[in-house]
N, C-alpha and C. Protein backbone atom coordinates (compact mmCIF):
# COMPACT_ATOMS: atom_id res chain seq x y z
N MET A 1 104.67 95.27 87.83
CA MET A 1 103.96 96.85 88.74
C MET A 1 105.29 96.76 89.28
N SER A 2 105.43 97.99 89.94
CA SER A 2 106.33 98.23 91.46
C SER A 2 106.23 98.77 92.47
N TYR A 3 105.12 98.18 92.87
CA TYR A 3 105.04 98.45 94.60
C TYR A 3 104.64 96.83 94.86
N GLU A 4 104.46 97.24 96.57
CA GLU A 4 104.19 96.27 96.97
C GLU A 4 103.60 96.70 98.94
N LEU A 5 102.54 96.36 99.13
CA LEU A 5 101.40 96.00 100.45
C LEU A 5 101.97 95.21 101.02
N ASN A 6 101.92 95.92 102.79
CA ASN A 6 102.04 94.66 103.56
C ASN A 6 100.35 95.42 104.25
N PHE A 7 99.83 94.45 104.49
CA PHE A 7 98.40 94.37 105.61
C PHE A 7 99.19 93.51 106.96
N LYS A 8 97.93 95.15 107.68
CA LYS A 8 97.69 93.38 109.22
C LYS A 8 96.81 94.68 109.06
N HIS A 9 95.57 93.48 109.53
CA HIS A 9 94.61 93.95 110.21
C HIS A 9 93.80 93.84 111.35
N GLU A 10 93.87 95.35 112.52
CA GLU A 10 93.38 95.63 113.27
C GLU A 10 92.21 95.31 113.59
N SER A 11 91.78 95.88 114.93
CA SER A 11 90.21 95.29 115.86
C SER A 11 89.54 95.56 114.63
N ASP A 12 89.86 97.46 114.50
CA ASP A 12 88.71 98.54 113.47
C ASP A 12 88.91 99.08 112.83
N TYR A 13 90.93 99.01 111.99
CA TYR A 13 91.05 99.65 111.51
C TYR A 13 91.47 98.08 110.08
N LEU A 14 91.96 98.67 108.89
CA LEU A 14 93.38 97.93 108.12
C LEU A 14 94.78 99.44 107.96
N CYS A 15 95.29 98.76 108.40
CA CYS A 15 96.46 98.97 108.42
C CYS A 15 98.10 98.67 106.94
N VAL A 16 98.24 99.80 105.81
CA VAL A 16 99.02 99.38 104.83
C VAL A 16 99.89 100.01 105.37
N GLN A 17 100.80 99.08 104.91
CA GLN A 17 102.70 99.56 104.35
C GLN A 17 103.07 100.04 102.83
N ALA A 18 102.90 100.86 102.47
CA ALA A 18 103.57 100.94 101.02
C ALA A 18 105.08 100.43 100.62
N THR A 19 106.20 100.46 99.57
CA THR A 19 107.06 100.52 99.67
C THR A 19 106.89 100.11 97.76
N GLY A 20 107.78 100.92 97.46
CA GLY A 20 108.12 101.05 95.62
C GLY A 20 108.02 102.45 95.15
N ILE A 21 107.77 102.44 93.83
CA ILE A 21 107.95 103.76 93.27
C ILE A 21 106.13 104.29 92.75
N ARG A 22 106.31 105.43 93.36
CA ARG A 22 105.34 106.22 93.34
C ARG A 22 104.67 107.07 91.38
N THR A 23 103.59 106.40 91.53
CA THR A 23 103.65 106.77 89.94
C THR A 23 101.89 106.36 90.24
N THR A 24 100.96 106.96 89.01
CA THR A 24 99.50 107.50 88.79
C THR A 24 99.26 106.00 88.65
N GLU A 25 99.65 104.77 87.54
CA GLU A 25 99.43 103.24 87.89
C GLU A 25 99.52 102.75 89.03
N ASN A 26 100.91 102.88 89.43
CA ASN A 26 100.62 102.04 90.91
C ASN A 26 99.60 102.93 91.93
N PHE A 27 99.27 104.14 92.01
CA PHE A 27 98.72 104.18 92.60
C PHE A 27 96.64 104.02 92.13
N VAL A 28 97.20 103.94 91.19
CA VAL A 28 95.55 103.16 91.15
C VAL A 28 95.79 102.07 91.42
N ALA A 29 96.69 101.59 90.99
CA ALA A 29 96.78 99.85 91.59
C ALA A 29 96.08 99.15 92.98
N MET A 30 96.84 100.07 93.82
CA MET A 30 96.87 100.10 95.55
C MET A 30 95.68 100.85 95.78
N ALA A 31 95.90 101.44 95.21
CA ALA A 31 94.11 101.99 96.20
C ALA A 31 93.17 100.37 95.52
N MET A 32 92.77 99.96 93.85
CA MET A 32 92.28 99.57 94.40
C MET A 32 92.33 97.96 94.33
N ASP A 33 93.48 97.89 95.40
CA ASP A 33 94.11 96.67 95.94
C ASP A 33 93.43 96.99 98.12
N LEU A 34 94.21 97.92 98.66
CA LEU A 34 93.14 99.04 99.51
C LEU A 34 92.06 98.29 99.58
N LEU A 35 90.69 98.87 98.55
CA LEU A 35 89.73 98.78 99.05
C LEU A 35 88.31 97.86 99.05
N THR A 36 89.56 96.49 97.66
CA THR A 36 88.42 95.17 97.62
C THR A 36 89.45 94.54 99.49
N THR A 37 90.31 94.95 99.79
CA THR A 37 90.90 94.62 101.01
C THR A 37 89.54 94.35 101.86
N GLY A 38 89.21 96.05 101.91
CA GLY A 38 89.21 96.64 102.93
C GLY A 38 87.47 95.72 103.03
N GLU A 39 86.53 95.80 101.92
CA GLU A 39 86.02 96.05 101.45
C GLU A 39 85.27 93.92 102.19
N LYS A 40 86.65 93.30 101.52
CA LYS A 40 86.08 92.03 102.08
C LYS A 40 86.61 91.96 103.24
N HIS A 41 86.99 92.55 104.03
CA HIS A 41 87.66 92.66 105.40
C HIS A 41 86.36 93.37 106.19
N GLU A 42 85.58 93.96 105.92
CA GLU A 42 84.55 94.85 105.41
C GLU A 42 84.76 95.91 107.03
N TYR A 43 86.39 96.80 106.24
CA TYR A 43 86.87 97.55 107.09
C TYR A 43 85.97 98.69 106.32
N ASN A 44 86.05 99.61 107.63
CA ASN A 44 85.80 101.14 106.42
C ASN A 44 86.41 102.59 106.81
N LYS A 45 87.32 101.85 107.78
CA LYS A 45 88.59 102.88 108.06
C LYS A 45 89.86 102.10 107.08
N VAL A 46 91.33 102.79 106.73
CA VAL A 46 92.12 102.79 106.72
C VAL A 46 93.17 103.31 107.13
N LEU A 47 94.51 102.77 107.51
CA LEU A 47 95.94 103.47 107.50
C LEU A 47 97.03 103.50 106.55
N LEU A 48 97.20 103.60 105.45
CA LEU A 48 97.76 103.92 104.47
C LEU A 48 99.11 104.83 105.22
N ASP A 49 100.52 104.15 104.87
CA ASP A 49 101.90 104.22 105.07
C ASP A 49 102.70 104.43 103.49
N LEU A 50 102.72 106.04 103.37
CA LEU A 50 103.48 106.15 102.38
C LEU A 50 104.57 106.18 102.05
N ARG A 51 105.61 106.21 103.69
CA ARG A 51 106.34 106.79 103.74
C ARG A 51 108.03 105.83 103.11
N GLY A 52 107.78 104.82 102.97
CA GLY A 52 108.27 103.76 102.17
C GLY A 52 108.90 104.05 100.46
N MET A 53 107.61 104.71 100.14
CA MET A 53 107.72 104.80 98.78
C MET A 53 108.51 106.35 97.93
N THR A 54 109.03 105.93 96.93
CA THR A 54 110.21 106.65 95.97
C THR A 54 109.47 107.52 94.90
N GLY A 55 109.88 108.62 95.31
CA GLY A 55 109.53 109.60 93.57
C GLY A 55 108.89 110.47 93.86
N ARG A 56 108.23 111.38 93.18
CA ARG A 56 107.00 111.92 93.06
C ARG A 56 105.98 112.07 92.20
N LEU A 57 104.48 112.32 91.93
CA LEU A 57 104.47 112.99 91.52
C LEU A 57 104.01 113.96 90.96
N GLY A 58 103.65 114.07 88.92
CA GLY A 58 103.25 115.87 88.70
C GLY A 58 101.66 116.04 89.15
N THR A 59 102.53 117.38 89.27
CA THR A 59 101.09 118.15 89.63
C THR A 59 99.58 117.84 89.33
N PHE A 60 100.42 117.72 87.75
CA PHE A 60 98.85 117.11 86.64
C PHE A 60 98.38 115.55 87.13
N ASP A 61 99.22 114.98 87.43
CA ASP A 61 99.35 113.26 87.68
C ASP A 61 98.53 113.08 88.86
N ILE A 62 98.52 114.38 89.27
CA ILE A 62 97.82 114.39 90.92
C ILE A 62 96.91 114.57 91.02
N TYR A 63 96.37 115.83 89.92
CA TYR A 63 94.70 116.34 89.73
C TYR A 63 94.61 114.66 89.05
N LYS A 64 94.59 114.86 88.04
CA LYS A 64 94.00 113.10 87.57
C LYS A 64 93.57 112.59 88.06
N LEU A 65 94.89 111.74 89.18
CA LEU A 65 94.29 110.64 90.09
C LEU A 65 92.92 111.35 91.30
N GLY A 66 93.42 112.25 91.50
CA GLY A 66 91.56 112.71 92.40
C GLY A 66 90.34 113.29 91.67
N THR A 67 90.57 113.28 90.30
CA THR A 67 89.20 114.18 89.91
C THR A 67 88.69 113.16 88.64
N GLU A 68 90.24 111.73 87.88
CA GLU A 68 89.61 110.68 87.89
C GLU A 68 89.91 109.03 88.47
N ASN A 69 90.71 109.09 88.54
CA ASN A 69 91.36 107.60 88.97
C ASN A 69 90.15 107.85 90.49
N LEU A 70 90.82 108.38 90.91
CA LEU A 70 90.52 107.78 93.33
C LEU A 70 88.60 108.08 92.70
N LYS A 71 88.20 109.11 92.32
CA LYS A 71 86.63 109.06 92.43
C LYS A 71 85.51 108.29 92.18
N GLU A 72 86.23 107.50 91.03
CA GLU A 72 86.18 106.47 90.09
C GLU A 72 86.43 104.93 90.98
N LEU A 73 86.22 105.01 91.77
CA LEU A 73 87.08 103.25 92.72
C LEU A 73 85.91 104.18 93.68
N TRP A 74 86.51 105.03 94.21
CA TRP A 74 85.60 105.18 95.58
C TRP A 74 84.32 104.60 95.08
N ARG A 75 83.88 105.33 94.27
CA ARG A 75 82.04 105.20 93.46
C ARG A 75 81.84 104.23 93.86
N THR A 76 82.75 103.45 93.36
CA THR A 76 82.45 101.60 92.69
C THR A 76 82.54 100.90 93.08
N ILE A 77 83.78 101.20 94.55
CA ILE A 77 83.63 99.96 95.64
C ILE A 77 83.45 100.22 97.14
N GLY A 78 83.26 100.99 96.79
CA GLY A 78 82.96 101.68 98.50
C GLY A 78 84.06 102.93 98.75
N HIS A 79 83.31 104.01 100.33
CA HIS A 79 83.26 104.85 100.77
C HIS A 79 84.16 104.51 100.95
N PRO A 80 85.15 104.01 102.13
CA PRO A 80 86.01 103.70 103.54
C PRO A 80 87.15 105.84 104.03
N LYS A 81 87.36 105.65 104.98
CA LYS A 81 88.36 106.60 105.76
C LYS A 81 89.07 106.66 106.17
N VAL A 82 89.92 107.32 105.11
CA VAL A 82 91.12 106.96 104.38
C VAL A 82 92.68 108.06 105.42
N SER A 83 92.89 107.59 106.38
CA SER A 83 94.30 108.46 106.48
C SER A 83 95.81 107.77 106.88
N VAL A 84 96.17 108.96 105.83
CA VAL A 84 97.00 108.31 104.96
C VAL A 84 98.52 109.05 105.97
N ILE A 85 99.36 108.32 105.77
CA ILE A 85 101.03 109.14 106.31
C ILE A 85 102.34 109.22 105.66
N ASP A 86 102.84 110.38 105.26
CA ASP A 86 103.69 110.18 104.66
C ASP A 86 104.68 111.41 105.07
N LEU A 87 105.72 111.68 104.33
CA LEU A 87 107.44 112.25 104.30
C LEU A 87 106.74 113.73 104.27
N GLU A 88 107.34 114.84 105.48
CA GLU A 88 107.26 115.40 105.36
C GLU A 88 107.94 116.73 104.12
N THR A 89 108.96 115.89 103.86
CA THR A 89 109.61 116.38 102.24
C THR A 89 108.62 116.59 101.31
N ASN A 90 107.47 115.87 101.45
CA ASN A 90 106.39 115.58 100.34
C ASN A 90 105.45 116.49 100.53
N ARG A 91 105.19 117.76 101.54
CA ARG A 91 104.00 118.33 101.73
C ARG A 91 103.82 118.91 100.78
N GLU A 92 103.86 119.70 100.53
CA GLU A 92 103.47 120.34 98.83
C GLU A 92 102.43 119.54 97.64
N ARG A 93 102.99 118.02 98.07
CA ARG A 93 102.67 118.02 96.88
C ARG A 93 100.66 117.26 98.05
N PHE A 94 101.44 116.23 99.17
CA PHE A 94 100.29 115.82 99.53
C PHE A 94 99.19 117.40 99.77
N GLU A 95 99.44 118.16 99.97
CA GLU A 95 98.18 118.76 100.33
C GLU A 95 97.38 119.34 99.42
N PHE A 96 97.67 118.99 98.32
CA PHE A 96 97.55 119.57 96.84
C PHE A 96 96.60 117.95 96.72
N MET A 97 97.27 116.74 96.93
CA MET A 97 96.01 115.62 96.28
C MET A 97 95.32 115.62 97.71
N GLU A 98 95.36 116.03 99.17
CA GLU A 98 94.51 115.69 99.72
C GLU A 98 93.72 117.21 99.14
N ASN A 99 93.42 118.40 98.81
CA ASN A 99 92.44 119.13 98.55
C ASN A 99 91.59 118.62 97.77
N VAL A 100 92.11 118.35 96.28
CA VAL A 100 91.74 117.92 95.33
C VAL A 100 90.48 116.39 95.36
N ALA A 101 91.27 115.24 96.69
CA ALA A 101 90.07 114.39 97.36
C ALA A 101 89.12 114.66 97.76
N VAL A 102 89.69 115.85 98.75
CA VAL A 102 88.04 115.97 99.49
C VAL A 102 87.32 116.52 97.93
N ASN A 103 87.18 117.68 97.54
CA ASN A 103 86.61 118.26 97.07
C ASN A 103 85.94 116.75 95.62
N GLN A 104 86.36 116.46 95.90
CA GLN A 104 85.85 115.01 95.60
C GLN A 104 84.89 113.28 96.07
N ASN A 105 85.01 113.79 97.15
CA ASN A 105 84.18 113.48 98.66
C ASN A 105 85.14 112.54 98.28
N ILE A 106 86.37 112.11 98.51
CA ILE A 106 86.67 111.08 98.96
C ILE A 106 86.96 111.12 99.99
N ASN A 107 86.43 110.75 101.29
CA ASN A 107 87.10 110.27 102.81
C ASN A 107 88.71 110.43 102.87
N LEU A 108 89.58 111.30 102.64
CA LEU A 108 90.83 111.48 103.02
C LEU A 108 92.23 112.34 103.56
N ARG A 109 92.26 111.95 104.21
CA ARG A 109 93.08 113.54 104.88
C ARG A 109 94.81 112.78 104.93
N ILE A 110 95.86 114.11 105.03
CA ILE A 110 97.32 113.05 104.42
C ILE A 110 98.30 113.70 106.06
N PHE A 111 98.99 113.54 106.18
CA PHE A 111 99.91 113.81 108.00
C PHE A 111 101.17 113.01 107.61
N THR A 112 101.95 113.81 108.53
CA THR A 112 103.08 113.39 108.40
C THR A 112 103.38 112.64 109.98
N ASP A 113 102.72 112.49 110.74
CA ASP A 113 102.47 112.12 112.54
C ASP A 113 101.53 110.54 112.67
N VAL A 114 101.85 109.83 112.87
CA VAL A 114 101.95 108.82 113.18
C VAL A 114 99.69 108.73 114.49
N ASP A 115 100.25 109.61 115.18
CA ASP A 115 99.74 109.59 115.71
C ASP A 115 98.26 110.54 115.73
N LYS A 116 98.40 112.09 114.73
CA LYS A 116 97.47 112.63 114.13
C LYS A 116 96.35 112.03 113.36
N ALA A 117 97.57 110.56 112.27
CA ALA A 117 96.96 109.97 111.42
C ALA A 117 95.40 109.67 112.17
N MET A 118 96.12 108.44 113.09
CA MET A 118 95.05 107.88 114.31
C MET A 118 94.49 108.58 115.10
N ALA A 119 94.40 109.50 115.12
CA ALA A 119 93.11 110.39 115.97
C ALA A 119 92.57 111.03 114.83
N TRP A 120 92.05 111.65 113.45
CA TRP A 120 91.79 111.96 112.98
C TRP A 120 90.83 110.30 111.82
N LEU A 121 91.53 109.58 112.46
CA LEU A 121 90.87 107.98 112.31
C LEU A 121 89.95 107.67 112.93
N GLY A 122 90.24 107.97 114.14
CA GLY A 122 89.62 107.43 114.82
C GLY A 122 89.83 106.16 116.06
N VAL A 123 91.22 106.32 115.73
CA VAL A 123 90.99 104.21 115.87
C VAL A 123 92.72 104.42 116.74
N SER A 124 92.49 103.38 117.72
CA SER A 124 93.64 103.39 118.85
C SER A 124 94.01 102.03 118.25
N LYS A 125 95.92 103.29 118.48
CA LYS A 125 96.85 102.87 118.14
C LYS A 125 97.47 100.80 118.77
N GLY A 126 96.82 100.68 117.75
CA GLY A 126 97.79 98.93 117.60
C GLY A 126 99.41 98.20 117.16
N THR A 127 99.47 97.02 116.74
CA THR A 127 101.13 97.01 116.98
C THR A 127 100.97 97.17 115.26
N ALA A 128 100.13 97.61 114.60
CA ALA A 128 100.39 98.15 112.81
C ALA A 128 100.57 99.81 112.91
N GLY A 129 100.45 100.34 114.38
CA GLY A 129 100.42 101.60 113.96
C GLY A 129 101.98 102.37 114.74
N GLU A 130 103.13 100.42 114.95
CA GLU A 130 104.08 102.05 114.85
C GLU A 130 105.12 101.23 114.63
């Protein structure tokens, strides 16, 4: 796999910085890593920073990711609240991803602004949110 996750444990949320290539396989594996780490450490809130990732998923890949892969993971592993930070240049793609996820009852929102992402998550800024 061509991604890396850097976990920072804050008092009330798990902060994850991702780097690597955006592929469906990488997103499924990353989601599994996040959910299992969050569950293991009893976090129900995750701040995921995707700004260090390259590439783009196609529309069908995004749809399949949300309706099949992520839906199944959320059902079997847990139901955390996930706030994602992404680049403005990816807005069209991530707005579609957010819509698909929300329609599948996945509690996920995507932002370009760290403060807004943290506000929606309901957490205070620690060292990880910088």
